[in-house]
Each structure stands twice: as structure tokens, then as C-alpha cells.
């Protein structure tokens, strides 16, 4: 009696399946590159101190704009201004990272950003 096992349908379907897998991987790679380019073109703005400090960052992780209201510029309290700038910048970067993670998750279908092999 012959022993049965292995893949259903024998080994004949394997090359076609591998070809499909490679095409899907290439398509996903193109989509990820397009998504990355779109994200790099976006800008994210966050404020601190009730809007006294506003920071805009790009998807390339660069600060592109800093806006300060006059009342926050106090030479006797530089530390507060520094803290507000840092808080606004960090919030803008968090927004950018969340958007990027959501876009990648959408593309990978929840695979954790990588391939399962």
C-alpha cells in the first residue's frame, strides 16, 4: 500500500503557489512604498500651553514650523517655553507615528508589519 502524505494535490501546485506568493509580496512592497511616500508628504501640527506654542512636523520626521505667541516669550521663564516646545513637538511626532502605524497595519492586514516567513 502506498503511503500518502505531503501537500494535497501532490507537488504540482507548489510552483504556482510560490509564484502567487511572490506576486503578492511584490504588490505589498509597492503599496508600502506608495504609502510611505504619501506619509512623508503629510504634516502634523500639535499645540501646547493652550495654543501658545504650535509645532508642525513632516512625515519625514522633521520640524517644519514653530509658532509662538508673544505672551509665552518671557526671558525670565525660558524653561517653561522649552517645556512647551518639547511637549508640542513630541505630540506632533506621536500623531505622525500613529498615522504611519495605522497605514502600515492596513497594508499588512495585521501581520505585525512583516511577513510570516
Protein backbone atom coordinates (compact mmCIF):
# COMPACT_ATOMS: atom_id res chain seq x y z
CA UNK A 1 0.00 0.00 0.00
CA UNK A 2 1.39 3.38 -0.98
CA UNK A 3 1.95 5.94 1.71
CA UNK A 4 0.04 9.20 1.34
CA UNK A 5 1.03 12.49 2.79
CA UNK A 6 2.50 15.82 1.97
CA UNK A 7 0.55 18.55 0.23
CA UNK A 8 -2.93 17.94 -1.17
CA UNK A 9 -2.78 17.59 -4.93
CA UNK A 10 0.83 16.48 -4.90
CA UNK A 11 3.78 18.71 -5.69
CA UNK A 12 2.42 20.00 -8.98
CA UNK A 13 0.67 23.04 -7.46
CA UNK A 14 3.66 24.28 -5.49
CA UNK A 15 5.40 26.38 -8.19
CA UNK A 16 2.16 28.24 -8.99
CA UNK A 17 1.50 28.93 -5.32
CA UNK A 18 5.05 30.21 -4.83
CA UNK A 19 4.66 32.44 -7.89
CA UNK A 20 1.41 33.87 -6.48
CA UNK A 21 3.07 34.45 -3.12
CA UNK A 22 5.94 36.32 -4.77
CA UNK A 23 3.50 38.47 -6.79
CA UNK A 24 1.55 39.29 -3.63
CA UNK A 25 4.77 40.19 -1.79
CA UNK A 26 5.86 42.48 -4.64
CA UNK A 27 2.42 44.12 -4.74
CA UNK A 28 2.54 44.69 -0.97
CA UNK A 29 6.04 46.13 -1.26
CA UNK A 30 4.85 48.61 -3.93
CA UNK A 31 1.85 49.58 -1.80
CA UNK A 32 4.07 50.09 1.24
CA UNK A 33 6.41 52.32 -0.77
CA UNK A 34 3.48 54.39 -2.08
CA UNK A 35 2.07 54.67 1.43
CA UNK A 36 5.48 55.72 2.80
CA UNK A 37 5.75 58.46 0.17
CA UNK A 38 2.23 59.71 0.99
CA UNK A 39 3.04 59.76 4.71
CA UNK A 40 6.27 61.70 4.10
CA UNK A 41 4.29 64.43 2.34
CA UNK A 42 1.83 64.88 5.23
CA UNK A 43 2.23 67.41 8.00
CA UNK A 44 1.13 67.09 11.63
CA UNK A 45 0.52 70.02 13.94
CA UNK A 46 0.23 69.98 17.72
CA UNK A 47 -0.05 72.73 20.31
CA UNK A 48 0.87 73.15 23.96
CA UNK A 49 0.14 75.77 26.59
CA UNK A 50 -3.38 76.36 25.33
CA UNK A 51 -2.08 77.12 21.84
CA UNK A 52 0.78 79.36 22.96
CA UNK A 53 3.23 77.04 21.19
CA UNK A 54 2.41 75.28 17.95
CA UNK A 55 4.74 72.84 16.19
CA UNK A 56 4.31 71.32 12.73
CA UNK A 57 6.31 68.25 11.71
CA UNK A 58 6.54 66.41 8.42
CA UNK A 59 6.15 62.72 7.77
CA UNK A 60 9.91 62.75 7.24
CA UNK A 61 10.28 63.39 10.98
CA UNK A 62 11.42 66.98 10.55
CA UNK A 63 10.12 70.07 12.33
CA UNK A 64 8.87 72.35 9.55
CA UNK A 65 7.23 75.15 11.55
CA UNK A 66 7.33 76.63 15.05
CA UNK A 67 4.75 79.23 16.04
CA UNK A 68 4.97 81.07 19.37
CA UNK A 69 2.52 83.56 20.80
CA UNK A 70 4.12 86.71 22.19
CA UNK A 71 2.94 86.13 25.76
CA UNK A 72 4.84 82.84 26.00
CA UNK A 73 8.18 84.51 25.26
CA UNK A 74 9.26 85.50 28.77
CA UNK A 75 13.02 85.97 29.18
CA UNK A 76 12.62 85.25 32.91
CA UNK A 77 10.99 81.86 32.26
CA UNK A 78 12.90 80.20 29.42
CA UNK A 79 12.36 76.75 30.96
CA UNK A 80 8.58 76.99 30.53
CA UNK A 81 8.98 77.87 26.84
CA UNK A 82 11.41 75.00 26.35
CA UNK A 83 8.97 72.58 28.00
CA UNK A 84 6.07 73.80 25.86
CA UNK A 85 8.09 73.45 22.65
CA UNK A 86 9.16 69.95 23.64
CA UNK A 87 5.60 68.93 24.56
CA UNK A 88 4.13 70.23 21.29
CA UNK A 89 6.89 68.63 19.19
CA UNK A 90 6.52 65.26 20.92
CA UNK A 91 2.74 65.32 20.43
CA UNK A 92 3.11 66.15 16.72
CA UNK A 93 5.60 63.29 16.30
CA UNK A 94 3.22 60.91 18.14
CA UNK A 95 0.44 61.86 15.71
CA UNK A 96 2.75 61.18 12.78
CA UNK A 97 3.82 57.80 14.21
CA UNK A 98 0.22 56.75 14.90
CA UNK A 99 -0.78 57.65 11.33
CA UNK A 100 2.20 55.73 9.96
CA UNK A 101 1.47 52.66 12.12
CA UNK A 102 -2.20 52.69 11.07
CA UNK A 103 -1.27 52.90 7.38
CA UNK A 104 1.20 50.02 7.66
CA UNK A 105 -1.25 47.89 9.65
CA UNK A 106 -3.87 48.46 6.97
CA UNK A 107 -1.44 47.25 4.29
CA UNK A 108 -0.13 44.23 6.18
CA UNK A 109 -3.56 43.14 7.38
CA UNK A 110 -2.43 42.94 10.99
CA UNK A 111 0.59 40.73 10.30
CA UNK A 112 2.65 42.92 12.61
CA UNK A 113 4.39 44.79 9.81
CA UNK A 114 6.29 41.81 8.48
CA UNK A 115 5.89 38.63 6.55
CA UNK A 116 5.05 35.40 8.36
CA UNK A 117 8.02 33.55 6.87
